[in-house]
Amino acid sequence: QVQLVESGGGLVQPGGSLRLSCAASGSIFSINAMGWYRQAPGKQRELVAATTISGGATTYADSVKGRFTISRDNAKNTVYLQMNSLKPEDTAVYYCNTLPWSYDYWGQGTQVTVSS
């Protein structure tokens, strides 16, 4: 089993930055790729960014390309999401999960609110 804990969300003004963290524990040896997902009110959960654990290949949703950067620290079993130039439409609960996602690994997420 894998446990994932997200942190780092908050309230930020448009144009601001936040860095989210996802700490993994448990049977993490089985994980090949990790993703950050988000769900805005009234919308479906969507994949925002993903990275392989070895090699560090990354992919991004078109809506965040050039603004968000996903990275990982394998020694700390942590995946990060650096979010710059935030927009009100980035407001959502952000979750980390494996890629493809596993129902058992969804955590509480971390709220990101972009508002002036």
Protein backbone atom coordinates (compact mmCIF):
# COMPACT_ATOMS: atom_id res chain seq x y z
CA GLN A 1 0.00 0.00 0.00
CA VAL A 2 1.07 3.57 -0.69
CA GLN A 3 0.27 6.65 1.35
CA LEU A 4 0.39 10.10 -0.24
CA VAL A 5 0.16 13.37 1.67
CA GLU A 6 -0.21 16.69 -0.12
CA SER A 7 0.73 20.06 1.35
CA GLY A 8 1.59 23.60 0.37
CA GLY A 9 -1.70 25.01 -0.82
CA GLY A 10 -3.11 28.37 0.19
CA LEU A 11 -4.54 31.66 -0.92
CA VAL A 12 -2.49 33.61 -3.44
CA GLN A 13 -3.09 36.64 -5.63
CA PRO A 14 -3.18 36.33 -9.41
CA GLY A 15 0.37 36.24 -10.74
CA GLY A 16 1.68 34.71 -7.54
CA SER A 17 3.43 31.42 -6.90
CA LEU A 18 3.03 28.36 -4.72
CA ARG A 19 4.94 25.12 -4.36
CA LEU A 20 3.02 21.97 -3.55
CA SER A 21 4.61 18.89 -2.02
CA CYS A 22 3.53 15.26 -2.12
CA ALA A 23 5.22 12.97 0.39
CA ALA A 24 4.99 9.26 -0.39
CA SER A 25 5.43 6.36 1.99
CA GLY A 26 4.74 2.64 2.02
CA SER A 27 5.28 0.37 -0.99
CA ILE A 28 6.67 3.12 -3.19
CA PHE A 29 9.03 0.76 -5.02
CA SER A 30 6.07 -0.14 -7.22
CA ILE A 31 5.57 3.41 -8.47
CA ASN A 32 6.82 4.24 -11.97
CA ALA A 33 5.21 7.62 -12.46
CA MET A 34 3.46 10.26 -10.37
CA GLY A 35 1.01 12.94 -11.27
CA TRP A 36 -0.56 16.07 -9.89
CA TYR A 37 -4.29 16.30 -10.46
CA ARG A 38 -6.78 19.03 -9.65
CA GLN A 39 -10.50 19.36 -9.28
CA ALA A 40 -12.28 22.67 -9.44
CA PRO A 41 -15.85 23.11 -8.15
CA GLY A 42 -18.34 21.60 -10.58
CA LYS A 43 -15.61 20.16 -12.81
CA GLN A 44 -14.07 16.77 -13.31
CA ARG A 45 -10.70 15.93 -11.84
CA GLU A 46 -7.95 16.48 -14.39
CA LEU A 47 -4.29 15.62 -14.74
CA VAL A 48 -2.14 18.73 -14.49
CA ALA A 49 1.40 17.37 -14.64
CA ALA A 50 3.20 14.06 -14.40
CA THR A 51 6.73 12.74 -14.09
CA THR A 52 8.42 9.39 -14.29
CA ILE A 53 10.28 8.43 -11.14
CA SER A 54 13.39 7.28 -12.97
CA GLY A 55 14.60 9.48 -15.79
CA GLY A 56 12.35 12.36 -14.92
CA ALA A 57 10.34 12.59 -18.13
CA THR A 58 7.52 15.09 -17.67
CA THR A 59 4.23 16.05 -19.26
CA TYR A 60 1.86 18.95 -18.67
CA ALA A 61 -1.68 19.93 -19.43
CA ASP A 62 -1.81 22.66 -22.07
CA SER A 63 -3.42 25.03 -19.57
CA VAL A 64 -0.34 25.02 -17.31
CA LYS A 65 2.55 24.61 -19.75
CA GLY A 66 5.22 27.21 -19.15
CA ARG A 67 3.82 28.10 -15.72
CA PHE A 68 3.97 24.87 -13.69
CA THR A 69 6.96 22.61 -13.13
CA ILE A 70 6.81 19.12 -11.67
CA SER A 71 9.89 17.67 -10.04
CA ARG A 72 10.81 14.85 -7.71
CA ASP A 73 13.33 14.15 -4.99
CA ASN A 74 13.71 10.40 -4.91
CA ALA A 75 15.83 10.51 -1.77
CA LYS A 76 12.97 12.20 0.07
CA ASN A 77 10.20 10.26 -1.70
CA THR A 78 8.61 13.59 -2.52
CA VAL A 79 7.13 15.07 -5.67
CA TYR A 80 6.73 18.81 -6.05
CA LEU A 81 4.63 21.12 -8.18
CA GLN A 82 6.00 24.62 -8.59
CA MET A 83 3.20 26.88 -9.76
CA ASN A 84 4.03 30.32 -11.11
CA SER A 85 1.94 33.04 -12.75
CA LEU A 86 -1.14 31.66 -11.08
CA LYS A 87 -4.55 32.52 -12.50
CA PRO A 88 -8.01 32.47 -10.91
CA GLU A 89 -8.84 29.48 -13.09
CA ASP A 90 -6.10 27.51 -11.31
CA THR A 91 -8.28 27.55 -8.18
CA ALA A 92 -8.94 23.92 -7.24
CA VAL A 93 -8.12 21.16 -4.82
CA TYR A 94 -4.82 19.64 -5.92
CA TYR A 95 -4.06 15.96 -5.42
CA CYS A 96 -1.13 13.73 -6.14
CA ASN A 97 -1.50 10.14 -7.22
CA THR A 98 0.26 7.59 -9.33
CA LEU A 99 -0.01 7.61 -13.10
CA PRO A 100 -2.31 5.97 -13.97
CA TRP A 101 -4.15 6.92 -10.80
CA SER A 102 -5.20 4.42 -8.19
CA TYR A 103 -8.49 4.75 -6.35
CA ASP A 104 -6.84 3.66 -3.12
CA TYR A 105 -4.24 6.43 -3.17
CA TRP A 106 -6.43 9.53 -3.29
CA GLY A 107 -5.71 11.71 -0.26
CA GLN A 108 -7.34 14.85 1.10
CA GLY A 109 -5.63 17.10 -1.38
CA THR A 110 -4.54 20.66 -0.78
CA GLN A 111 -6.66 23.70 -1.61
CA VAL A 112 -5.24 26.34 -3.93
CA THR A 113 -7.21 29.56 -4.21
CA VAL A 114 -6.13 32.29 -6.60
CA SER A 115 -7.98 35.49 -5.87
CA SER A 116 -7.38 39.17 -5.34
